[in-house]
Amino acid sequence: MQVKPLSLRPPRRAVMPDGAAVRRSAAAALRAAGRAMQRLGRHLTSTPTRAPPVAQPTLLEFYAEAGAPEGALYVDGQLAAHLAGVRRL
């Protein structure tokens, strides 16, 4: 009867993983990196919520004075109409 010496080292196969395990690990690492990059991209491109600009009220002006066109109606400084026969609003 022959006796083999007992080794405390693991077999060589157990130390070196097979190709499929390496590919699975690499794929999992790449997926995790992709998710992190996607989150970072969303964070960088998101625009902060801003309040809408405050609308300025429309400015109406009416002139029926001497030297001004009779019954001239201006909206925001632009002549909008002539109101014939109207002397005051």
N, C-alpha and C. Protein backbone atom coordinates (compact mmCIF):
# COMPACT_ATOMS: atom_id res chain seq x y z
N MET A 1 0.83 -1.16 0.00
CA MET A 1 0.00 0.00 0.00
C MET A 1 0.88 1.23 0.00
N GLN A 2 0.51 2.16 -0.92
CA GLN A 2 1.28 3.39 -1.00
C GLN A 2 0.53 4.52 -0.31
N VAL A 3 1.25 5.37 0.33
CA VAL A 3 0.66 6.52 1.01
C VAL A 3 1.14 7.78 0.31
N LYS A 4 0.18 8.63 -0.07
CA LYS A 4 0.54 9.90 -0.69
C LYS A 4 0.69 10.94 0.40
N PRO A 5 1.64 11.82 0.23
CA PRO A 5 1.77 12.87 1.24
C PRO A 5 0.57 13.81 1.20
N LEU A 6 0.12 14.26 2.34
CA LEU A 6 -1.03 15.15 2.46
C LEU A 6 -0.56 16.59 2.28
N SER A 7 -1.18 17.29 1.37
CA SER A 7 -0.81 18.69 1.10
C SER A 7 -1.92 19.60 1.65
N LEU A 8 -1.52 20.69 2.26
CA LEU A 8 -2.50 21.66 2.77
C LEU A 8 -2.88 22.69 1.73
N ARG A 9 -2.24 22.69 0.59
CA ARG A 9 -2.57 23.60 -0.48
C ARG A 9 -3.82 23.12 -1.20
N PRO A 10 -4.67 24.07 -1.64
CA PRO A 10 -5.84 23.64 -2.42
C PRO A 10 -5.39 23.17 -3.80
N PRO A 11 -6.19 22.38 -4.43
CA PRO A 11 -5.82 21.93 -5.78
C PRO A 11 -5.67 23.14 -6.70
N ARG A 12 -4.89 22.99 -7.73
CA ARG A 12 -4.57 24.09 -8.63
C ARG A 12 -5.82 24.65 -9.32
N ARG A 13 -6.78 23.82 -9.63
CA ARG A 13 -8.00 24.29 -10.27
C ARG A 13 -8.78 25.25 -9.38
N ALA A 14 -8.80 25.02 -8.10
CA ALA A 14 -9.56 25.86 -7.19
C ALA A 14 -8.95 27.26 -7.09
N VAL A 15 -7.65 27.38 -7.32
CA VAL A 15 -6.99 28.68 -7.24
C VAL A 15 -7.29 29.51 -8.47
N MET A 16 -7.27 28.91 -9.62
CA MET A 16 -7.51 29.63 -10.87
C MET A 16 -8.96 29.42 -11.29
N PRO A 17 -9.77 30.49 -11.30
CA PRO A 17 -11.17 30.32 -11.73
C PRO A 17 -11.23 30.06 -13.23
N ASP A 18 -12.30 29.40 -13.63
CA ASP A 18 -12.43 29.11 -15.05
C ASP A 18 -12.85 30.38 -15.80
N GLY A 19 -12.79 30.33 -17.12
CA GLY A 19 -13.07 31.50 -17.95
C GLY A 19 -14.48 32.04 -17.79
N ALA A 20 -15.46 31.16 -17.58
CA ALA A 20 -16.85 31.60 -17.45
C ALA A 20 -17.04 32.44 -16.19
N ALA A 21 -16.39 32.05 -15.11
CA ALA A 21 -16.52 32.80 -13.86
C ALA A 21 -15.89 34.19 -13.99
N VAL A 22 -14.78 34.27 -14.69
CA VAL A 22 -14.12 35.57 -14.90
C VAL A 22 -15.01 36.46 -15.75
N ARG A 23 -15.61 35.89 -16.79
CA ARG A 23 -16.50 36.68 -17.66
C ARG A 23 -17.73 37.16 -16.89
N ARG A 24 -18.30 36.30 -16.05
CA ARG A 24 -19.47 36.71 -15.26
C ARG A 24 -19.12 37.83 -14.30
N SER A 25 -17.96 37.73 -13.67
CA SER A 25 -17.53 38.78 -12.74
C SER A 25 -17.28 40.10 -13.47
N ALA A 26 -16.65 40.02 -14.63
CA ALA A 26 -16.39 41.23 -15.41
C ALA A 26 -17.70 41.85 -15.89
N ALA A 27 -18.64 41.02 -16.31
CA ALA A 27 -19.93 41.53 -16.77
C ALA A 27 -20.68 42.21 -15.63
N ALA A 28 -20.66 41.61 -14.44
CA ALA A 28 -21.33 42.22 -13.29
C ALA A 28 -20.69 43.56 -12.92
N ALA A 29 -19.37 43.63 -12.98
CA ALA A 29 -18.68 44.89 -12.68
C ALA A 29 -19.02 45.96 -13.72
N LEU A 30 -19.08 45.58 -14.99
CA LEU A 30 -19.43 46.54 -16.04
C LEU A 30 -20.87 47.02 -15.92
N ARG A 31 -21.79 46.11 -15.57
CA ARG A 31 -23.19 46.53 -15.36
C ARG A 31 -23.30 47.51 -14.21
N ALA A 32 -22.60 47.25 -13.12
CA ALA A 32 -22.63 48.16 -11.97
C ALA A 32 -22.04 49.52 -12.34
N ALA A 33 -20.96 49.52 -13.09
CA ALA A 33 -20.35 50.79 -13.52
C ALA A 33 -21.30 51.54 -14.45
N GLY A 34 -22.00 50.82 -15.31
CA GLY A 34 -22.96 51.45 -16.22
C GLY A 34 -24.10 52.10 -15.47
N ARG A 35 -24.61 51.40 -14.44
CA ARG A 35 -25.69 51.98 -13.64
C ARG A 35 -25.22 53.24 -12.92
N ALA A 36 -24.01 53.21 -12.40
CA ALA A 36 -23.46 54.39 -11.71
C ALA A 36 -23.30 55.55 -12.68
N MET A 37 -22.82 55.28 -13.88
CA MET A 37 -22.66 56.35 -14.88
C MET A 37 -24.02 56.90 -15.31
N GLN A 38 -25.01 56.04 -15.41
CA GLN A 38 -26.35 56.49 -15.79
C GLN A 38 -26.93 57.41 -14.72
N ARG A 39 -26.77 57.03 -13.44
CA ARG A 39 -27.25 57.89 -12.34
C ARG A 39 -26.54 59.23 -12.36
N LEU A 40 -25.22 59.22 -12.59
CA LEU A 40 -24.46 60.46 -12.62
C LEU A 40 -24.90 61.33 -13.80
N GLY A 41 -25.13 60.73 -14.94
CA GLY A 41 -25.61 61.48 -16.10
C GLY A 41 -26.96 62.12 -15.86
N ARG A 42 -27.88 61.38 -15.26
CA ARG A 42 -29.20 61.96 -14.94
C ARG A 42 -29.06 63.12 -13.97
N HIS A 43 -28.18 62.96 -12.99
CA HIS A 43 -27.99 64.02 -12.00
C HIS A 43 -27.41 65.28 -12.66
N LEU A 44 -26.46 65.11 -13.57
CA LEU A 44 -25.82 66.26 -14.19
C LEU A 44 -26.71 66.96 -15.19
N THR A 45 -27.62 66.24 -15.86
CA THR A 45 -28.46 66.86 -16.88
C THR A 45 -29.78 67.36 -16.35
N SER A 46 -30.14 67.01 -15.15
CA SER A 46 -31.42 67.47 -14.63
C SER A 46 -31.35 68.96 -14.36
N THR A 47 -32.41 69.66 -14.73
CA THR A 47 -32.46 71.10 -14.51
C THR A 47 -33.23 71.36 -13.22
N PRO A 48 -32.75 72.26 -12.41
CA PRO A 48 -33.49 72.56 -11.18
C PRO A 48 -34.82 73.21 -11.52
N THR A 49 -35.80 72.96 -10.69
CA THR A 49 -37.12 73.52 -10.89
C THR A 49 -37.08 75.01 -10.57
N ARG A 50 -37.49 75.80 -11.53
CA ARG A 50 -37.50 77.24 -11.34
C ARG A 50 -38.92 77.75 -11.38
N ALA A 51 -39.14 78.84 -10.66
CA ALA A 51 -40.45 79.48 -10.69
C ALA A 51 -40.62 80.15 -12.05
N PRO A 52 -41.82 80.12 -12.61
CA PRO A 52 -42.03 80.79 -13.90
C PRO A 52 -41.80 82.29 -13.74
N PRO A 53 -41.35 82.95 -14.79
CA PRO A 53 -41.12 84.38 -14.68
C PRO A 53 -42.41 85.12 -14.38
N VAL A 54 -42.28 86.16 -13.60
CA VAL A 54 -43.45 86.94 -13.22
C VAL A 54 -43.86 87.79 -14.41
N ALA A 55 -45.10 87.64 -14.82
CA ALA A 55 -45.60 88.40 -15.96
C ALA A 55 -45.85 89.84 -15.53
N GLN A 56 -45.37 90.76 -16.35
CA GLN A 56 -45.61 92.18 -16.07
C GLN A 56 -47.02 92.53 -16.52
N PRO A 57 -47.72 93.33 -15.73
CA PRO A 57 -49.09 93.70 -16.14
C PRO A 57 -49.03 94.58 -17.40
N THR A 58 -50.07 94.46 -18.20
CA THR A 58 -50.16 95.25 -19.42
C THR A 58 -50.40 96.70 -19.06
N LEU A 59 -49.67 97.59 -19.67
CA LEU A 59 -49.80 99.02 -19.40
C LEU A 59 -50.66 99.66 -20.48
N LEU A 60 -51.80 100.20 -20.07
CA LEU A 60 -52.71 100.87 -20.99
C LEU A 60 -52.59 102.37 -20.77
N GLU A 61 -52.51 103.13 -21.87
CA GLU A 61 -52.45 104.58 -21.79
C GLU A 61 -53.48 105.15 -22.76
N PHE A 62 -54.15 106.23 -22.31
CA PHE A 62 -55.15 106.88 -23.15
C PHE A 62 -54.86 108.37 -23.14
N TYR A 63 -54.82 108.96 -24.34
CA TYR A 63 -54.54 110.38 -24.44
C TYR A 63 -55.71 111.06 -25.16
N ALA A 64 -56.27 112.06 -24.53
CA ALA A 64 -57.30 112.89 -25.15
C ALA A 64 -57.05 114.33 -24.72
N GLU A 65 -55.82 114.74 -24.76
CA GLU A 65 -55.43 116.07 -24.31
C GLU A 65 -55.07 116.93 -25.52
N ALA A 66 -54.91 118.21 -25.28
CA ALA A 66 -54.49 119.11 -26.34
C ALA A 66 -53.08 118.72 -26.78
N GLY A 67 -52.84 118.67 -28.05
CA GLY A 67 -51.53 118.32 -28.58
C GLY A 67 -51.34 116.82 -28.79
N ALA A 68 -52.19 116.01 -28.22
CA ALA A 68 -52.10 114.57 -28.41
C ALA A 68 -53.18 114.15 -29.40
N PRO A 69 -52.96 113.05 -30.11
CA PRO A 69 -54.02 112.60 -31.02
C PRO A 69 -55.30 112.30 -30.22
N GLU A 70 -56.44 112.73 -30.79
CA GLU A 70 -57.71 112.54 -30.08
C GLU A 70 -58.03 111.06 -29.91
N GLY A 71 -58.25 110.63 -28.67
CA GLY A 71 -58.69 109.28 -28.37
C GLY A 71 -57.65 108.21 -28.70
N ALA A 72 -56.39 108.53 -28.57
CA ALA A 72 -55.35 107.54 -28.88
C ALA A 72 -55.20 106.57 -27.71
N LEU A 73 -55.26 105.29 -28.01
CA LEU A 73 -55.12 104.24 -27.00
C LEU A 73 -53.81 103.50 -27.25
N TYR A 74 -52.94 103.49 -26.25
CA TYR A 74 -51.63 102.84 -26.36
C TYR A 74 -51.60 101.62 -25.42
N VAL A 75 -51.04 100.53 -25.89
CA VAL A 75 -50.85 99.33 -25.08
C VAL A 75 -49.35 99.06 -25.04
N ASP A 76 -48.77 99.12 -23.85
CA ASP A 76 -47.33 98.92 -23.65
C ASP A 76 -46.50 99.82 -24.57
N GLY A 77 -46.94 101.08 -24.72
CA GLY A 77 -46.19 102.05 -25.50
C GLY A 77 -46.42 101.99 -26.99
N GLN A 78 -47.23 101.09 -27.47
CA GLN A 78 -47.52 100.95 -28.90
C GLN A 78 -48.94 101.42 -29.17
N LEU A 79 -49.09 102.21 -30.20
CA LEU A 79 -50.42 102.70 -30.56
C LEU A 79 -51.29 101.51 -30.95
N ALA A 80 -52.42 101.37 -30.24
CA ALA A 80 -53.30 100.23 -30.51
C ALA A 80 -54.54 100.65 -31.29
N ALA A 81 -55.08 101.84 -31.00
CA ALA A 81 -56.30 102.25 -31.68
C ALA A 81 -56.56 103.73 -31.46
N HIS A 82 -57.45 104.26 -32.27
CA HIS A 82 -57.99 105.61 -32.08
C HIS A 82 -59.46 105.42 -31.74
N LEU A 83 -59.86 105.98 -30.63
CA LEU A 83 -61.25 105.88 -30.23
C LEU A 83 -61.94 107.19 -30.60
N ALA A 84 -62.66 107.18 -31.69
CA ALA A 84 -63.27 108.41 -32.22
C ALA A 84 -64.36 108.91 -31.28
N GLY A 85 -64.33 110.19 -31.00
CA GLY A 85 -65.35 110.83 -30.18
C GLY A 85 -65.19 110.60 -28.69
N VAL A 86 -64.23 109.83 -28.25
CA VAL A 86 -64.04 109.57 -26.82
C VAL A 86 -63.06 110.61 -26.29
N ARG A 87 -63.47 111.30 -25.22
CA ARG A 87 -62.64 112.34 -24.65
C ARG A 87 -62.01 111.88 -23.32
N ARG A 88 -62.62 110.90 -22.66
CA ARG A 88 -62.00 110.37 -21.43
C ARG A 88 -62.50 108.96 -21.15
N LEU A 89 -61.71 108.20 -20.43
CA LEU A 89 -62.07 106.82 -20.06
C LEU A 89 -62.39 106.74 -18.59
